C-alpha atoms as a PDB file:
ATOM      1  CA  UNK A   1     -23.066  36.374   0.864  1.00  0.00           C
ATOM      2  CA  UNK A   2     -24.178  39.657  -0.017  1.00  0.00           C
ATOM      3  CA  UNK A   3     -21.558  41.125  -2.403  1.00  0.00           C
ATOM      4  CA  UNK A   4     -21.111  44.177  -0.308  1.00  0.00           C
ATOM      5  CA  UNK A   5     -20.175  42.104   2.709  1.00  0.00           C
ATOM      6  CA  UNK A   6     -17.329  40.501   0.826  1.00  0.00           C
ATOM      7  CA  UNK A   7     -16.146  43.756  -0.522  1.00  0.00           C
ATOM      8  CA  UNK A   8     -15.945  45.148   3.120  1.00  0.00           C
ATOM      9  CA  UNK A   9     -13.833  42.331   4.469  1.00  0.00           C
ATOM     10  CA  UNK A  10     -11.623  41.979   1.272  1.00  0.00           C
ATOM     11  CA  UNK A  11     -10.878  45.753   0.761  1.00  0.00           C
ATOM     12  CA  UNK A  12      -7.262  45.907   1.529  1.00  0.00           C
ATOM     13  CA  UNK A  13      -7.382  49.576   2.243  1.00  0.00           C
ATOM     14  CA  UNK A  14      -8.420  48.725   5.864  1.00  0.00           C
ATOM     15  CA  UNK A  15      -5.185  46.964   6.503  1.00  0.00           C
ATOM     16  CA  UNK A  16      -6.956  44.544   8.938  1.00  0.00           C
ATOM     17  CA  UNK A  17      -3.724  42.377   9.386  1.00  0.00           C
ATOM     18  CA  UNK A  18      -1.011  44.608   8.920  1.00  0.00           C
ATOM     19  CA  UNK A  19       1.615  45.639  11.615  1.00  0.00           C
ATOM     20  CA  UNK A  20       0.812  45.260  15.021  1.00  0.00           C
ATOM     21  CA  UNK A  21      -2.897  46.108  14.896  1.00  0.00           C
ATOM     22  CA  UNK A  22      -4.377  42.638  13.857  1.00  0.00           C
ATOM     23  CA  UNK A  23      -8.123  42.843  13.024  1.00  0.00           C
ATOM     24  CA  UNK A  24     -10.095  40.203  15.152  1.00  0.00           C
ATOM     25  CA  UNK A  25     -13.639  39.415  15.311  1.00  0.00           C
ATOM     26  CA  UNK A  26     -14.117  36.717  18.117  1.00  0.00           C
ATOM     27  CA  UNK A  27     -17.832  36.713  18.144  1.00  0.00           C
ATOM     28  CA  UNK A  28     -20.992  37.008  15.794  1.00  0.00           C
ATOM     29  CA  UNK A  29     -24.487  37.651  17.119  1.00  0.00           C
ATOM     30  CA  UNK A  30     -27.148  36.729  14.628  1.00  0.00           C
ATOM     31  CA  UNK A  31     -30.722  38.096  15.014  1.00  0.00           C
ATOM     32  CA  UNK A  32     -32.367  35.287  13.050  1.00  0.00           C
ATOM     33  CA  UNK A  33     -35.730  36.936  12.901  1.00  0.00           C
ATOM     34  CA  UNK A  34     -37.396  40.080  14.174  1.00  0.00           C
ATOM     35  CA  UNK A  35     -40.744  38.484  14.989  1.00  0.00           C
ATOM     36  CA  UNK A  36     -41.563  37.315  18.618  1.00  0.00           C
ATOM     37  CA  UNK A  37     -44.377  35.342  20.029  1.00  0.00           C
ATOM     38  CA  UNK A  38     -44.201  37.317  23.120  1.00  0.00           C
ATOM     39  CA  UNK A  39     -44.629  40.879  24.075  1.00  0.00           C
ATOM     40  CA  UNK A  40     -42.177  41.756  27.157  1.00  0.00           C
ATOM     41  CA  UNK A  41     -42.613  45.323  27.934  1.00  0.00           C
ATOM     42  CA  UNK A  42     -38.954  45.894  28.313  1.00  0.00           C
ATOM     43  CA  UNK A  43     -37.883  44.523  25.153  1.00  0.00           C
ATOM     44  CA  UNK A  44     -35.685  46.639  23.037  1.00  0.00           C
ATOM     45  CA  UNK A  45     -35.646  43.805  20.315  1.00  0.00           C
ATOM     46  CA  UNK A  46     -31.897  44.272  19.874  1.00  0.00           C
ATOM     47  CA  UNK A  47     -32.436  47.695  18.514  1.00  0.00           C
ATOM     48  CA  UNK A  48     -34.292  46.072  15.661  1.00  0.00           C
ATOM     49  CA  UNK A  49     -37.680  47.263  14.501  1.00  0.00           C
ATOM     50  CA  UNK A  50     -40.484  44.526  14.878  1.00  0.00           C
ATOM     51  CA  UNK A  51     -41.476  45.522  11.355  1.00  0.00           C
ATOM     52  CA  UNK A  52     -38.141  45.078   9.803  1.00  0.00           C
ATOM     53  CA  UNK A  53     -38.560  42.354   7.128  1.00  0.00           C
ATOM     54  CA  UNK A  54     -36.562  39.142   8.120  1.00  0.00           C
ATOM     55  CA  UNK A  55     -35.138  38.264   4.714  1.00  0.00           C
ATOM     56  CA  UNK A  56     -32.002  36.543   5.771  1.00  0.00           C
ATOM     57  CA  UNK A  57     -31.488  33.083   4.407  1.00  0.00           C
ATOM     58  CA  UNK A  58     -29.377  30.137   5.676  1.00  0.00           C
ATOM     59  CA  UNK A  59     -26.884  30.442   3.005  1.00  0.00           C
ATOM     60  CA  UNK A  60     -26.126  34.183   4.053  1.00  0.00           C
ATOM     61  CA  UNK A  61     -25.573  33.126   7.415  1.00  0.00           C
ATOM     62  CA  UNK A  62     -23.273  30.274   6.549  1.00  0.00           C
ATOM     63  CA  UNK A  63     -21.201  32.207   4.043  1.00  0.00           C
ATOM     64  CA  UNK A  64     -20.840  35.122   6.696  1.00  0.00           C
ATOM     65  CA  UNK A  65     -19.592  32.657   9.290  1.00  0.00           C
ATOM     66  CA  UNK A  66     -17.299  30.959   6.741  1.00  0.00           C
ATOM     67  CA  UNK A  67     -15.757  34.274   5.840  1.00  0.00           C
ATOM     68  CA  UNK A  68     -15.232  35.466   9.366  1.00  0.00           C
ATOM     69  CA  UNK A  69     -13.234  32.154  10.311  1.00  0.00           C
ATOM     70  CA  UNK A  70     -10.145  33.880   8.966  1.00  0.00           C
ATOM     71  CA  UNK A  71     -10.822  36.769  11.321  1.00  0.00           C
ATOM     72  CA  UNK A  72     -10.670  34.656  14.522  1.00  0.00           C
ATOM     73  CA  UNK A  73     -14.348  34.033  14.833  1.00  0.00           C
ATOM     74  CA  UNK A  74     -15.022  31.715  18.043  1.00  0.00           C
ATOM     75  CA  UNK A  75     -18.483  32.271  18.885  1.00  0.00           C
ATOM     76  CA  UNK A  76     -21.967  32.594  17.294  1.00  0.00           C
ATOM     77  CA  UNK A  77     -25.009  33.377  19.245  1.00  0.00           C
ATOM     78  CA  UNK A  78     -28.333  33.073  17.930  1.00  0.00           C
ATOM     79  CA  UNK A  79     -31.018  35.494  19.140  1.00  0.00           C
ATOM     80  CA  UNK A  80     -34.314  37.367  17.576  1.00  0.00           C
ATOM     81  CA  UNK A  81     -36.964  38.359  18.077  1.00  0.00           C
ATOM     82  CA  UNK A  82     -37.541  34.756  18.932  1.00  0.00           C
ATOM     83  CA  UNK A  83     -34.894  32.510  17.231  1.00  0.00           C
ATOM     84  CA  UNK A  84     -36.778  29.323  17.461  1.00  0.00           C
ATOM     85  CA  UNK A  85     -39.297  30.815  15.037  1.00  0.00           C
ATOM     86  CA  UNK A  86     -36.473  30.635  12.266  1.00  0.00           C
ATOM     87  CA  UNK A  87     -37.934  27.696  10.139  1.00  0.00           C
ATOM     88  CA  UNK A  88     -34.493  26.428   8.824  1.00  0.00           C
ATOM     89  CA  UNK A  89     -32.771  26.256  12.446  1.00  0.00           C
ATOM     90  CA  UNK A  90     -32.012  22.684  12.292  1.00  0.00           C
ATOM     91  CA  UNK A  91     -30.269  22.735   8.866  1.00  0.00           C
ATOM     92  CA  UNK A  92     -28.445  26.024   9.821  1.00  0.00           C
ATOM     93  CA  UNK A  93     -26.812  24.541  12.908  1.00  0.00           C
ATOM     94  CA  UNK A  94     -25.841  21.444  11.267  1.00  0.00           C
ATOM     95  CA  UNK A  95     -24.199  23.215   8.331  1.00  0.00           C
ATOM     96  CA  UNK A  96     -22.349  25.526  10.618  1.00  0.00           C
ATOM     97  CA  UNK A  97     -20.641  22.537  12.224  1.00  0.00           C
ATOM     98  CA  UNK A  98     -19.626  21.169   9.055  1.00  0.00           C
ATOM     99  CA  UNK A  99     -17.708  24.082   8.076  1.00  0.00           C
ATOM    100  CA  UNK A 100     -16.208  25.297  11.416  1.00  0.00           C
ATOM    101  CA  UNK A 101     -15.766  24.531  15.117  1.00  0.00           C
ATOM    102  CA  UNK A 102     -17.195  27.681  16.554  1.00  0.00           C
ATOM    103  CA  UNK A 103     -19.243  27.568  19.704  1.00  0.00           C
ATOM    104  CA  UNK A 104     -22.788  28.004  19.236  1.00  0.00           C
ATOM    105  CA  UNK A 105     -25.332  29.686  21.948  1.00  0.00           C
ATOM    106  CA  UNK A 106     -28.875  30.369  21.561  1.00  0.00           C
ATOM    107  CA  UNK A 107     -30.906  32.782  23.491  1.00  0.00           C
ATOM    108  CA  UNK A 108     -34.603  32.066  23.639  1.00  0.00           C
ATOM    109  CA  UNK A 109     -37.722  32.741  25.703  1.00  0.00           C
ATOM    110  CA  UNK A 110     -38.187  29.122  25.878  1.00  0.00           C
ATOM    111  CA  UNK A 111     -42.033  28.850  24.891  1.00  0.00           C
ATOM    112  CA  UNK A 112     -41.209  26.885  21.737  1.00  0.00           C
ATOM    113  CA  UNK A 113     -38.562  24.376  23.149  1.00  0.00           C
ATOM    114  CA  UNK A 114     -40.938  21.350  23.397  1.00  0.00           C
ATOM    115  CA  UNK A 115     -41.943  21.987  19.693  1.00  0.00           C
ATOM    116  CA  UNK A 116     -38.459  22.521  18.328  1.00  0.00           C
ATOM    117  CA  UNK A 117     -36.497  20.185  20.536  1.00  0.00           C
ATOM    118  CA  UNK A 118     -36.067  17.619  17.721  1.00  0.00           C
ATOM    119  CA  UNK A 119     -34.190  20.278  15.641  1.00  0.00           C
ATOM    120  CA  UNK A 120     -31.719  21.083  18.500  1.00  0.00           C
ATOM    121  CA  UNK A 121     -28.765  18.971  19.594  1.00  0.00           C
ATOM    122  CA  UNK A 122     -26.481  19.361  22.842  1.00  0.00           C
ATOM    123  CA  UNK A 123     -23.703  17.948  20.586  1.00  0.00           C
ATOM    124  CA  UNK A 124     -23.944  21.212  18.497  1.00  0.00           C
ATOM    125  CA  UNK A 125     -25.273  23.904  21.072  1.00  0.00           C
ATOM    126  CA  UNK A 126     -22.767  24.852  23.659  1.00  0.00           C
ATOM    127  CA  UNK A 127     -25.368  26.674  25.773  1.00  0.00           C
ATOM    128  CA  UNK A 128     -29.087  27.399  25.613  1.00  0.00           C
ATOM    129  CA  UNK A 129     -29.896  30.831  27.518  1.00  0.00           C
ATOM    130  CA  UNK A 130     -33.568  30.894  28.492  1.00  0.00           C
ATOM    131  CA  UNK A 131     -35.428  34.077  29.621  1.00  0.00           C
ATOM    132  CA  UNK A 132     -37.142  33.814  32.698  1.00  0.00           C
ATOM    133  CA  UNK A 133     -37.771  36.934  35.065  1.00  0.00           C
ATOM    134  CA  UNK A 134     -40.001  35.140  37.435  1.00  0.00           C
ATOM    135  CA  UNK A 135     -41.715  31.781  38.326  1.00  0.00           C
ATOM    136  CA  UNK A 136     -45.036  33.537  39.404  1.00  0.00           C
ATOM    137  CA  UNK A 137     -47.460  33.111  36.682  1.00  0.00           C
ATOM    138  CA  UNK A 138     -49.168  36.126  37.297  1.00  0.00           C
ATOM    139  CA  UNK A 139     -45.960  38.289  37.221  1.00  0.00           C
ATOM    140  CA  UNK A 140     -44.919  36.229  33.980  1.00  0.00           C
ATOM    141  CA  UNK A 141     -48.006  37.318  32.204  1.00  0.00           C
ATOM    142  CA  UNK A 142     -47.707  40.935  33.172  1.00  0.00           C
ATOM    143  CA  UNK A 143     -44.093  41.087  31.848  1.00  0.00           C
ATOM    144  CA  UNK A 144     -44.616  39.099  28.797  1.00  0.00           C
ATOM    145  CA  UNK A 145     -48.053  39.562  27.869  1.00  0.00           C
ATOM    146  CA  UNK A 146     -48.785  35.806  27.671  1.00  0.00           C
ATOM    147  CA  UNK A 147     -49.535  32.632  29.809  1.00  0.00           C
ATOM    148  CA  UNK A 148     -46.807  30.610  28.644  1.00  0.00           C
ATOM    149  CA  UNK A 149     -44.864  30.024  31.929  1.00  0.00           C
ATOM    150  CA  UNK A 150     -45.856  26.504  31.825  1.00  0.00           C
ATOM    151  CA  UNK A 151     -44.565  25.805  28.557  1.00  0.00           C
ATOM    152  CA  UNK A 152     -41.183  27.391  29.380  1.00  0.00           C
ATOM    153  CA  UNK A 153     -40.789  25.274  32.513  1.00  0.00           C
ATOM    154  CA  UNK A 154     -41.519  22.042  30.584  1.00  0.00           C
ATOM    155  CA  UNK A 155     -39.074  23.054  27.870  1.00  0.00           C
ATOM    156  CA  UNK A 156     -36.598  23.610  30.618  1.00  0.00           C
ATOM    157  CA  UNK A 157     -37.360  20.022  31.828  1.00  0.00           C
ATOM    158  CA  UNK A 158     -36.594  18.724  28.468  1.00  0.00           C
ATOM    159  CA  UNK A 159     -33.309  20.572  28.038  1.00  0.00           C
ATOM    160  CA  UNK A 160     -32.168  19.136  31.397  1.00  0.00           C
ATOM    161  CA  UNK A 161     -33.247  15.395  30.413  1.00  0.00           C
ATOM    162  CA  UNK A 162     -31.430  15.776  27.226  1.00  0.00           C
ATOM    163  CA  UNK A 163     -28.196  16.993  28.801  1.00  0.00           C
ATOM    164  CA  UNK A 164     -28.036  20.674  27.645  1.00  0.00           C
ATOM    165  CA  UNK A 165     -26.080  23.234  29.419  1.00  0.00           C
ATOM    166  CA  UNK A 166     -28.649  25.796  30.451  1.00  0.00           C
ATOM    167  CA  UNK A 167     -28.504  29.275  31.583  1.00  0.00           C
ATOM    168  CA  UNK A 168     -31.459  31.263  33.082  1.00  0.00           C
ATOM    169  CA  UNK A 169     -31.467  35.107  32.120  1.00  0.00           C
ATOM    170  CA  UNK A 170     -33.372  37.052  34.530  1.00  0.00           C
ATOM    171  CA  UNK A 171     -33.838  40.744  34.204  1.00  0.00           C
ATOM    172  CA  UNK A 172     -34.485  42.678  37.563  1.00  0.00           C
ATOM    173  CA  UNK A 173     -37.529  44.673  37.738  1.00  0.00           C
ATOM    174  CA  UNK A 174     -38.318  46.827  40.491  1.00  0.00           C
ATOM    175  CA  UNK A 175     -41.598  45.784  42.150  1.00  0.00           C
ATOM    176  CA  UNK A 176     -42.114  42.730  40.142  1.00  0.00           C
ATOM    177  CA  UNK A 177     -39.243  40.306  41.005  1.00  0.00           C
ATOM    178  CA  UNK A 178     -36.852  42.119  43.357  1.00  0.00           C
ATOM    179  CA  UNK A 179     -38.553  40.894  46.581  1.00  0.00           C
ATOM    180  CA  UNK A 180     -35.756  38.743  48.523  1.00  0.00           C
ATOM    181  CA  UNK A 181     -38.247  35.558  48.358  1.00  0.00           C
ATOM    182  CA  UNK A 182     -38.526  35.946  44.591  1.00  0.00           C
ATOM    183  CA  UNK A 183     -34.804  36.134  44.107  1.00  0.00           C
ATOM    184  CA  UNK A 184     -34.181  33.016  46.201  1.00  0.00           C
ATOM    185  CA  UNK A 185     -37.031  31.262  44.750  1.00  0.00           C
ATOM    186  CA  UNK A 186     -35.414  31.776  41.445  1.00  0.00           C
ATOM    187  CA  UNK A 187     -31.979  30.893  42.770  1.00  0.00           C
ATOM    188  CA  UNK A 188     -33.190  27.459  44.509  1.00  0.00           C
ATOM    189  CA  UNK A 189     -34.932  26.401  41.207  1.00  0.00           C
ATOM    190  CA  UNK A 190     -31.762  26.800  39.326  1.00  0.00           C
ATOM    191  CA  UNK A 191     -29.507  25.240  41.876  1.00  0.00           C
ATOM    192  CA  UNK A 192     -32.165  22.196  42.123  1.00  0.00           C
ATOM    193  CA  UNK A 193     -31.868  21.819  38.311  1.00  0.00           C
ATOM    194  CA  UNK A 194     -28.053  22.507  38.017  1.00  0.00           C
ATOM    195  CA  UNK A 195     -28.789  25.591  35.756  1.00  0.00           C
ATOM    196  CA  UNK A 196     -26.575  28.681  35.581  1.00  0.00           C
ATOM    197  CA  UNK A 197     -28.314  31.754  36.596  1.00  0.00           C
ATOM    198  CA  UNK A 198     -27.728  35.548  35.247  1.00  0.00           C
ATOM    199  CA  UNK A 199     -29.350  38.344  36.757  1.00  0.00           C
ATOM    200  CA  UNK A 200     -29.476  41.228  34.149  1.00  0.00           C
ATOM    201  CA  UNK A 201     -29.570  44.985  34.849  1.00  0.00           C
ATOM    202  CA  UNK A 202     -32.545  46.600  32.899  1.00  0.00           C
ATOM    203  CA  UNK A 203     -31.394  48.373  29.844  1.00  0.00           C
ATOM    204  CA  UNK A 204     -31.657  52.163  29.326  1.00  0.00           C
ATOM    205  CA  UNK A 205     -32.495  51.574  25.719  1.00  0.00           C
ATOM    206  CA  UNK A 206     -36.215  51.112  26.418  1.00  0.00           C
ATOM    207  CA  UNK A 207     -38.969  53.808  26.894  1.00  0.00           C
ATOM    208  CA  UNK A 208     -37.551  56.251  29.480  1.00  0.00           C
ATOM    209  CA  UNK A 209     -40.920  56.066  31.646  1.00  0.00           C
ATOM    210  CA  UNK A 210     -40.756  52.451  31.878  1.00  0.00           C
ATOM    211  CA  UNK A 211     -36.941  52.539  32.677  1.00  0.00           C
ATOM    212  CA  UNK A 212     -37.535  54.968  35.536  1.00  0.00           C
ATOM    213  CA  UNK A 213     -40.719  53.035  37.035  1.00  0.00           C
ATOM    214  CA  UNK A 214     -38.988  49.644  36.893  1.00  0.00           C
ATOM    215  CA  UNK A 215     -34.957  50.091  37.118  1.00  0.00           C
ATOM    216  CA  UNK A 216     -33.592  48.771  40.478  1.00  0.00           C
ATOM    217  CA  UNK A 217     -29.964  48.839  41.191  1.00  0.00           C
ATOM    218  CA  UNK A 218     -29.001  45.141  40.891  1.00  0.00           C
ATOM    219  CA  UNK A 219     -26.194  45.166  43.628  1.00  0.00           C
ATOM    220  CA  UNK A 220     -28.445  46.537  46.013  1.00  0.00           C
ATOM    221  CA  UNK A 221     -31.242  44.031  45.295  1.00  0.00           C
ATOM    222  CA  UNK A 222     -28.992  40.899  45.124  1.00  0.00           C
ATOM    223  CA  UNK A 223     -27.146  42.176  48.354  1.00  0.00           C
ATOM    224  CA  UNK A 224     -30.715  42.508  50.207  1.00  0.00           C
ATOM    225  CA  UNK A 225     -31.489  38.939  49.175  1.00  0.00           C
ATOM    226  CA  UNK A 226     -28.153  37.956  50.666  1.00  0.00           C
ATOM    227  CA  UNK A 227     -26.014  37.606  47.769  1.00  0.00           C
ATOM    228  CA  UNK A 228     -22.454  38.792  48.317  1.00  0.00           C
ATOM    229  CA  UNK A 229     -20.802  39.505  45.033  1.00  0.00           C
ATOM    230  CA  UNK A 230     -17.135  39.871  45.256  1.00  0.00           C
ATOM    231  CA  UNK A 231     -15.260  42.245  42.815  1.00  0.00           C
ATOM    232  CA  UNK A 232     -13.171  40.429  40.304  1.00  0.00           C
ATOM    233  CA  UNK A 233     -10.621  42.465  38.446  1.00  0.00           C
ATOM    234  CA  UNK A 234     -10.206  39.812  35.700  1.00  0.00           C
ATOM    235  CA  UNK A 235     -14.089  39.950  34.721  1.00  0.00           C
ATOM    236  CA  UNK A 236     -16.819  42.654  34.672  1.00  0.00           C
ATOM    237  CA  UNK A 237     -19.327  39.983  35.359  1.00  0.00           C
ATOM    238  CA  UNK A 238     -19.344  39.239  38.842  1.00  0.00           C
ATOM    239  CA  UNK A 239     -20.310  35.531  39.943  1.00  0.00           C
ATOM    240  CA  UNK A 240     -20.188  33.023  42.422  1.00  0.00           C
ATOM    241  CA  UNK A 241     -21.171  29.224  42.697  1.00  0.00           C
ATOM    242  CA  UNK A 242     -23.781  27.559  44.619  1.00  0.00           C
ATOM    243  CA  UNK A 243     -23.153  23.809  44.432  1.00  0.00           C
ATOM    244  CA  UNK A 244     -23.022  23.283  40.505  1.00  0.00           C
ATOM    245  CA  UNK A 245     -24.756  26.285  39.529  1.00  0.00           C
ATOM    246  CA  UNK A 246     -23.030  29.485  38.577  1.00  0.00           C
ATOM    247  CA  UNK A 247     -24.812  33.034  39.524  1.00  0.00           C
ATOM    248  CA  UNK A 248     -23.859  35.802  37.764  1.00  0.00           C
ATOM    249  CA  UNK A 249     -24.553  39.645  37.641  1.00  0.00           C
ATOM    250  CA  UNK A 250     -24.478  41.242  34.244  1.00  0.00           C
ATOM    251  CA  UNK A 251     -24.385  45.034  34.460  1.00  0.00           C
ATOM    252  CA  UNK A 252     -25.233  47.189  31.294  1.00  0.00           C
ATOM    253  CA  UNK A 253     -23.008  46.509  28.333  1.00  0.00           C
ATOM    254  CA  UNK A 254     -21.820  50.158  28.685  1.00  0.00           C
ATOM    255  CA  UNK A 255     -19.850  48.990  31.583  1.00  0.00           C
ATOM    256  CA  UNK A 256     -15.823  48.405  30.510  1.00  0.00           C
ATOM    257  CA  UNK A 257     -14.149  45.203  31.277  1.00  0.00           C
ATOM    258  CA  UNK A 258     -11.544  45.751  33.881  1.00  0.00           C
ATOM    259  CA  UNK A 259      -8.924  43.518  32.351  1.00  0.00           C
ATOM    260  CA  UNK A 260      -9.446  44.044  28.445  1.00  0.00           C
ATOM    261  CA  UNK A 261     -10.849  47.612  28.415  1.00  0.00           C
ATOM    262  CA  UNK A 262     -14.016  46.397  26.522  1.00  0.00           C
ATOM    263  CA  UNK A 263     -16.769  43.788  26.870  1.00  0.00           C
ATOM    264  CA  UNK A 264     -17.965  42.751  23.590  1.00  0.00           C
ATOM    265  CA  UNK A 265     -15.788  42.761  20.438  1.00  0.00           C
ATOM    266  CA  UNK A 266     -17.951  41.295  17.842  1.00  0.00           C
ATOM    267  CA  UNK A 267     -20.504  42.203  14.920  1.00  0.00           C
ATOM    268  CA  UNK A 268     -24.158  41.692  14.839  1.00  0.00           C
ATOM    269  CA  UNK A 269     -26.018  40.442  11.898  1.00  0.00           C
ATOM    270  CA  UNK A 270     -29.392  41.631  11.535  1.00  0.00           C
ATOM    271  CA  UNK A 271     -32.544  39.885   9.900  1.00  0.00           C
ATOM    272  CA  UNK A 272     -32.216  41.755   6.576  1.00  0.00           C
ATOM    273  CA  UNK A 273     -28.779  40.841   6.129  1.00  0.00           C
ATOM    274  CA  UNK A 274     -27.036  43.958   7.478  1.00  0.00           C
ATOM    275  CA  UNK A 275     -24.017  43.651   9.771  1.00  0.00           C
ATOM    276  CA  UNK A 276     -23.562  46.168  12.611  1.00  0.00           C
ATOM    277  CA  UNK A 277     -20.915  46.747  15.289  1.00  0.00           C
ATOM    278  CA  UNK A 278     -22.248  44.879  18.483  1.00  0.00           C
ATOM    279  CA  UNK A 279     -22.746  48.279  20.584  1.00  0.00           C
ATOM    280  CA  UNK A 280     -25.085  49.869  18.191  1.00  0.00           C
ATOM    281  CA  UNK A 281     -28.702  49.138  19.060  1.00  0.00           C
END
């Protein structure tokens, strides 16, 4: 653990646990590496420059998680860049499970699943979230800049065969995957494989020209495809179920949860070891 992190959390002038205001950190989002092997045009890379040196070590992550246990840490999500490019991933996952019983999630583009599956375990990972905006190989290449769709689909097959809980993350992009046929094709694929599916609103954190060109209102698109999301006052992420698949609509993180007044109450650990509030990209 970097010394300044210890000082931050141990400094009593913050009075984290005094009075009725108990300081809690339920989740930690760890960007393991800034580098990615794809080039999605809408990617804001978690607000991290792709030139940011990835100097974080397994020991730094373990020590951070160990320290945050005392502040109510329940969930750790690994992202990137592309987290499966992190060479010491297997060792990291097993060490976490030896020190605490937090839920572990990984968000990946899925292109390296076949290569790294031996380093993963469904007994350790609570959910694998795989980015997949389209099942059309031409549209996939346009979005990502790569011809990796077959690798992603074969990786998803492996996850299914090995008993992983899988969620597909699909960003809604006007003119690329918003046709009724495209939406329903992706839903059918997920239902067939018993994957959950999360439709995601395009973030305004990207280049303004691209945002204006590809933004589409998710409610309008999904309603046109026949999906009737119901408002739920206990959760800001609207959902319904088709057989064993949960279909979710995730609006921008600036939206406020109706039940708690907030959506994400956690911290982000960057590839260079810096900790930030979740909201700051």
